[in-house]
Amino acid sequence: MSGSAQARRGPAVLRHPAVAPLATLAAGAAAAYGLYGTDPHQGGHWLPRCPFNWATGLLCPVCGGTRLAYDLLHREPVRAFHENALLFVLLPVIAWAGGRWLAEGLRGRHWRLVLGVRAQQALLVAAVAWTVVRNLY
């Protein structure tokens, strides 16, 4: 490999499969630390408003995710469930995928979650249905 090609790809340590999941974990921990002292249930904070909600006035499939995370950080799972029930129910799957990504990266292997066409369609239908249901009630 020529010197210019390696310069474009970056140092070898940054190409290790564990770098991305570890960086994501560190960013998530930093965000959780910052969120812990900032109550998103109260207005006037630095937290941004959902762009979909701002533009349409409707709740998107993940609206309430920041409040959900805040409630879980403060050990209030019932309140978190009420912020976004679908996201709350999917949290174990999201945690499993993140854990698997990290574990494979630490073993030196690249891993990517691959959803089949039917799974993608089911996820899309669930997100649309959840958006409609939560905006009607």
C-alpha atoms as a PDB file:
ATOM      1  CA  MET A   1       0.000   0.000   0.000  1.00  0.00           C
ATOM      2  CA  SER A   2       1.392   3.391  -0.899  1.00  0.00           C
ATOM      3  CA  GLY A   3       1.963   6.066   1.729  1.00  0.00           C
ATOM      4  CA  SER A   4      -0.814   8.269   0.371  1.00  0.00           C
ATOM      5  CA  ALA A   5      -3.331   5.387   0.430  1.00  0.00           C
ATOM      6  CA  GLN A   6      -2.482   4.639   4.068  1.00  0.00           C
ATOM      7  CA  ALA A   7      -2.723   8.331   4.952  1.00  0.00           C
ATOM      8  CA  ARG A   8      -6.261   8.394   3.558  1.00  0.00           C
ATOM      9  CA  ARG A   9      -7.319   5.379   5.614  1.00  0.00           C
ATOM     10  CA  GLY A  10      -5.857   6.683   8.882  1.00  0.00           C
ATOM     11  CA  PRO A  11      -3.740   4.976  11.519  1.00  0.00           C
ATOM     12  CA  ALA A  12      -4.154   1.227  11.895  1.00  0.00           C
ATOM     13  CA  VAL A  13      -5.369   1.558  15.490  1.00  0.00           C
ATOM     14  CA  LEU A  14      -8.384   3.593  14.328  1.00  0.00           C
ATOM     15  CA  ARG A  15      -9.355   0.862  11.857  1.00  0.00           C
ATOM     16  CA  HIS A  16      -9.619  -1.791  14.585  1.00  0.00           C
ATOM     17  CA  PRO A  17     -13.159  -3.251  14.761  1.00  0.00           C
ATOM     18  CA  ALA A  18     -13.536  -2.269  18.426  1.00  0.00           C
ATOM     19  CA  VAL A  19     -12.964   1.457  17.888  1.00  0.00           C
ATOM     20  CA  ALA A  20     -16.473   2.321  16.642  1.00  0.00           C
ATOM     21  CA  PRO A  21     -18.421   0.431  19.349  1.00  0.00           C
ATOM     22  CA  LEU A  22     -16.126   1.731  22.102  1.00  0.00           C
ATOM     23  CA  ALA A  23     -16.471   5.301  20.805  1.00  0.00           C
ATOM     24  CA  THR A  24     -20.251   4.876  20.670  1.00  0.00           C
ATOM     25  CA  LEU A  25     -20.264   3.530  24.229  1.00  0.00           C
ATOM     26  CA  ALA A  26     -18.145   6.478  25.426  1.00  0.00           C
ATOM     27  CA  ALA A  27     -20.412   8.982  23.654  1.00  0.00           C
ATOM     28  CA  GLY A  28     -23.488   7.308  25.173  1.00  0.00           C
ATOM     29  CA  ALA A  29     -21.951   7.422  28.652  1.00  0.00           C
ATOM     30  CA  ALA A  30     -21.085  11.101  28.210  1.00  0.00           C
ATOM     31  CA  ALA A  31     -24.611  11.847  26.986  1.00  0.00           C
ATOM     32  CA  ALA A  32     -26.109   9.952  29.939  1.00  0.00           C
ATOM     33  CA  TYR A  33     -23.883  11.916  32.327  1.00  0.00           C
ATOM     34  CA  GLY A  34     -25.059  15.181  30.800  1.00  0.00           C
ATOM     35  CA  LEU A  35     -28.695  14.093  30.689  1.00  0.00           C
ATOM     36  CA  TYR A  36     -28.757  12.940  34.312  1.00  0.00           C
ATOM     37  CA  GLY A  37     -28.832  16.505  35.619  1.00  0.00           C
ATOM     38  CA  THR A  38     -31.058  17.966  32.907  1.00  0.00           C
ATOM     39  CA  ASP A  39     -34.753  17.164  33.264  1.00  0.00           C
ATOM     40  CA  PRO A  40     -36.233  17.021  29.728  1.00  0.00           C
ATOM     41  CA  HIS A  41     -39.733  17.106  31.235  1.00  0.00           C
ATOM     42  CA  GLN A  42     -39.096  20.771  32.039  1.00  0.00           C
ATOM     43  CA  GLY A  43     -38.839  23.357  29.275  1.00  0.00           C
ATOM     44  CA  GLY A  44     -36.021  25.827  28.701  1.00  0.00           C
ATOM     45  CA  HIS A  45     -33.103  23.397  28.586  1.00  0.00           C
ATOM     46  CA  TRP A  46     -30.421  22.998  25.937  1.00  0.00           C
ATOM     47  CA  LEU A  47     -32.038  19.791  24.673  1.00  0.00           C
ATOM     48  CA  PRO A  48     -33.271  20.148  21.080  1.00  0.00           C
ATOM     49  CA  ARG A  49     -36.864  19.565  20.061  1.00  0.00           C
ATOM     50  CA  CYS A  50     -37.686  16.698  17.712  1.00  0.00           C
ATOM     51  CA  PRO A  51     -37.524  18.109  14.156  1.00  0.00           C
ATOM     52  CA  PHE A  52     -40.497  15.998  13.031  1.00  0.00           C
ATOM     53  CA  ASN A  53     -42.571  17.245  15.962  1.00  0.00           C
ATOM     54  CA  TRP A  54     -41.444  20.819  15.344  1.00  0.00           C
ATOM     55  CA  ALA A  55     -42.428  20.657  11.653  1.00  0.00           C
ATOM     56  CA  THR A  56     -45.709  18.733  11.956  1.00  0.00           C
ATOM     57  CA  GLY A  57     -46.839  18.972  15.571  1.00  0.00           C
ATOM     58  CA  LEU A  58     -47.065  15.155  15.614  1.00  0.00           C
ATOM     59  CA  LEU A  59     -45.064  12.646  17.610  1.00  0.00           C
ATOM     60  CA  CYS A  60     -42.568  10.567  15.630  1.00  0.00           C
ATOM     61  CA  PRO A  61     -41.862   6.888  16.485  1.00  0.00           C
ATOM     62  CA  VAL A  62     -38.966   7.835  18.793  1.00  0.00           C
ATOM     63  CA  CYS A  63     -40.377  11.026  20.335  1.00  0.00           C
ATOM     64  CA  GLY A  64     -39.970  10.707  24.075  1.00  0.00           C
ATOM     65  CA  GLY A  65     -36.680   8.830  23.776  1.00  0.00           C
ATOM     66  CA  THR A  66     -34.742  11.491  25.684  1.00  0.00           C
ATOM     67  CA  ARG A  67     -37.351  11.584  28.444  1.00  0.00           C
ATOM     68  CA  LEU A  68     -37.348   7.761  28.466  1.00  0.00           C
ATOM     69  CA  ALA A  69     -33.560   7.712  28.950  1.00  0.00           C
ATOM     70  CA  TYR A  70     -33.799  10.337  31.710  1.00  0.00           C
ATOM     71  CA  ASP A  71     -36.476   8.338  33.510  1.00  0.00           C
ATOM     72  CA  LEU A  72     -34.440   5.120  33.274  1.00  0.00           C
ATOM     73  CA  LEU A  73     -31.347   6.919  34.589  1.00  0.00           C
ATOM     74  CA  HIS A  74     -33.462   7.983  37.577  1.00  0.00           C
ATOM     75  CA  ARG A  75     -34.857   4.449  38.066  1.00  0.00           C
ATOM     76  CA  GLU A  76     -38.405   5.234  36.999  1.00  0.00           C
ATOM     77  CA  PRO A  77     -39.255   2.453  34.504  1.00  0.00           C
ATOM     78  CA  VAL A  78     -43.031   2.986  34.651  1.00  0.00           C
ATOM     79  CA  ARG A  79     -42.656   6.652  33.753  1.00  0.00           C
ATOM     80  CA  ALA A  80     -40.153   5.670  31.024  1.00  0.00           C
ATOM     81  CA  PHE A  81     -42.656   3.208  29.576  1.00  0.00           C
ATOM     82  CA  HIS A  82     -45.255   5.970  29.346  1.00  0.00           C
ATOM     83  CA  GLU A  83     -42.848   8.209  27.393  1.00  0.00           C
ATOM     84  CA  ASN A  84     -42.476   5.731  24.526  1.00  0.00           C
ATOM     85  CA  ALA A  85     -43.774   2.200  25.018  1.00  0.00           C
ATOM     86  CA  LEU A  86     -42.467   0.801  21.715  1.00  0.00           C
ATOM     87  CA  LEU A  87     -38.941   2.073  22.277  1.00  0.00           C
ATOM     88  CA  PHE A  88     -39.058   0.794  25.867  1.00  0.00           C
ATOM     89  CA  VAL A  89     -40.050  -2.697  24.688  1.00  0.00           C
ATOM     90  CA  LEU A  90     -37.296  -2.662  22.044  1.00  0.00           C
ATOM     91  CA  LEU A  91     -34.556  -1.651  24.501  1.00  0.00           C
ATOM     92  CA  PRO A  92     -33.424  -5.254  25.199  1.00  0.00           C
ATOM     93  CA  VAL A  93     -33.001  -5.867  21.456  1.00  0.00           C
ATOM     94  CA  ILE A  94     -31.102  -2.605  21.036  1.00  0.00           C
ATOM     95  CA  ALA A  95     -28.888  -3.472  24.031  1.00  0.00           C
ATOM     96  CA  TRP A  96     -28.237  -6.967  22.649  1.00  0.00           C
ATOM     97  CA  ALA A  97     -27.237  -5.571  19.240  1.00  0.00           C
ATOM     98  CA  GLY A  98     -24.911  -3.017  20.843  1.00  0.00           C
ATOM     99  CA  GLY A  99     -23.393  -5.651  23.110  1.00  0.00           C
ATOM    100  CA  ARG A 100     -22.866  -8.036  20.230  1.00  0.00           C
ATOM    101  CA  TRP A 101     -21.245  -5.257  18.154  1.00  0.00           C
ATOM    102  CA  LEU A 102     -18.891  -4.462  21.039  1.00  0.00           C
ATOM    103  CA  ALA A 103     -18.074  -8.109  21.794  1.00  0.00           C
ATOM    104  CA  GLU A 104     -17.279  -8.896  18.170  1.00  0.00           C
ATOM    105  CA  GLY A 105     -15.186  -5.737  17.884  1.00  0.00           C
ATOM    106  CA  LEU A 106     -13.172  -6.665  20.963  1.00  0.00           C
ATOM    107  CA  ARG A 107     -12.526 -10.060  19.351  1.00  0.00           C
ATOM    108  CA  GLY A 108     -11.143  -8.240  16.310  1.00  0.00           C
ATOM    109  CA  ARG A 109     -14.091  -9.033  14.047  1.00  0.00           C
ATOM    110  CA  HIS A 110     -16.371  -6.650  12.210  1.00  0.00           C
ATOM    111  CA  TRP A 111     -20.093  -7.171  12.839  1.00  0.00           C
ATOM    112  CA  ARG A 112     -23.138  -5.511  11.378  1.00  0.00           C
ATOM    113  CA  LEU A 113     -26.779  -6.171  12.168  1.00  0.00           C
ATOM    114  CA  VAL A 114     -28.405  -7.437   8.991  1.00  0.00           C
ATOM    115  CA  LEU A 115     -32.190  -7.457   8.771  1.00  0.00           C
ATOM    116  CA  GLY A 116     -33.941  -9.438   6.076  1.00  0.00           C
ATOM    117  CA  VAL A 117     -36.563  -7.844   3.865  1.00  0.00           C
ATOM    118  CA  ARG A 118     -39.459  -9.148   5.972  1.00  0.00           C
ATOM    119  CA  ALA A 119     -37.863  -7.862   9.185  1.00  0.00           C
ATOM    120  CA  GLN A 120     -37.338  -4.448   7.584  1.00  0.00           C
ATOM    121  CA  GLN A 121     -40.947  -4.383   6.439  1.00  0.00           C
ATOM    122  CA  ALA A 122     -42.186  -5.433   9.879  1.00  0.00           C
ATOM    123  CA  LEU A 123     -40.105  -2.723  11.531  1.00  0.00           C
ATOM    124  CA  LEU A 124     -41.426  -0.098   9.125  1.00  0.00           C
ATOM    125  CA  VAL A 125     -45.049  -1.202   9.618  1.00  0.00           C
ATOM    126  CA  ALA A 126     -44.589  -1.183  13.411  1.00  0.00           C
ATOM    127  CA  ALA A 127     -43.064   2.311  13.335  1.00  0.00           C
ATOM    128  CA  VAL A 128     -45.852   3.709  11.138  1.00  0.00           C
ATOM    129  CA  ALA A 129     -48.569   1.992  13.187  1.00  0.00           C
ATOM    130  CA  TRP A 130     -47.008   3.246  16.425  1.00  0.00           C
ATOM    131  CA  THR A 131     -46.851   6.791  15.028  1.00  0.00           C
ATOM    132  CA  VAL A 132     -50.516   6.687  14.034  1.00  0.00           C
ATOM    133  CA  VAL A 133     -51.698   5.115  17.315  1.00  0.00           C
ATOM    134  CA  ARG A 134     -49.752   7.452  19.597  1.00  0.00           C
ATOM    135  CA  ASN A 135     -50.992  10.520  17.708  1.00  0.00           C
ATOM    136  CA  LEU A 136     -54.636   9.405  17.891  1.00  0.00           C
ATOM    137  CA  TYR A 137     -54.652   8.777  21.644  1.00  0.00           C
END
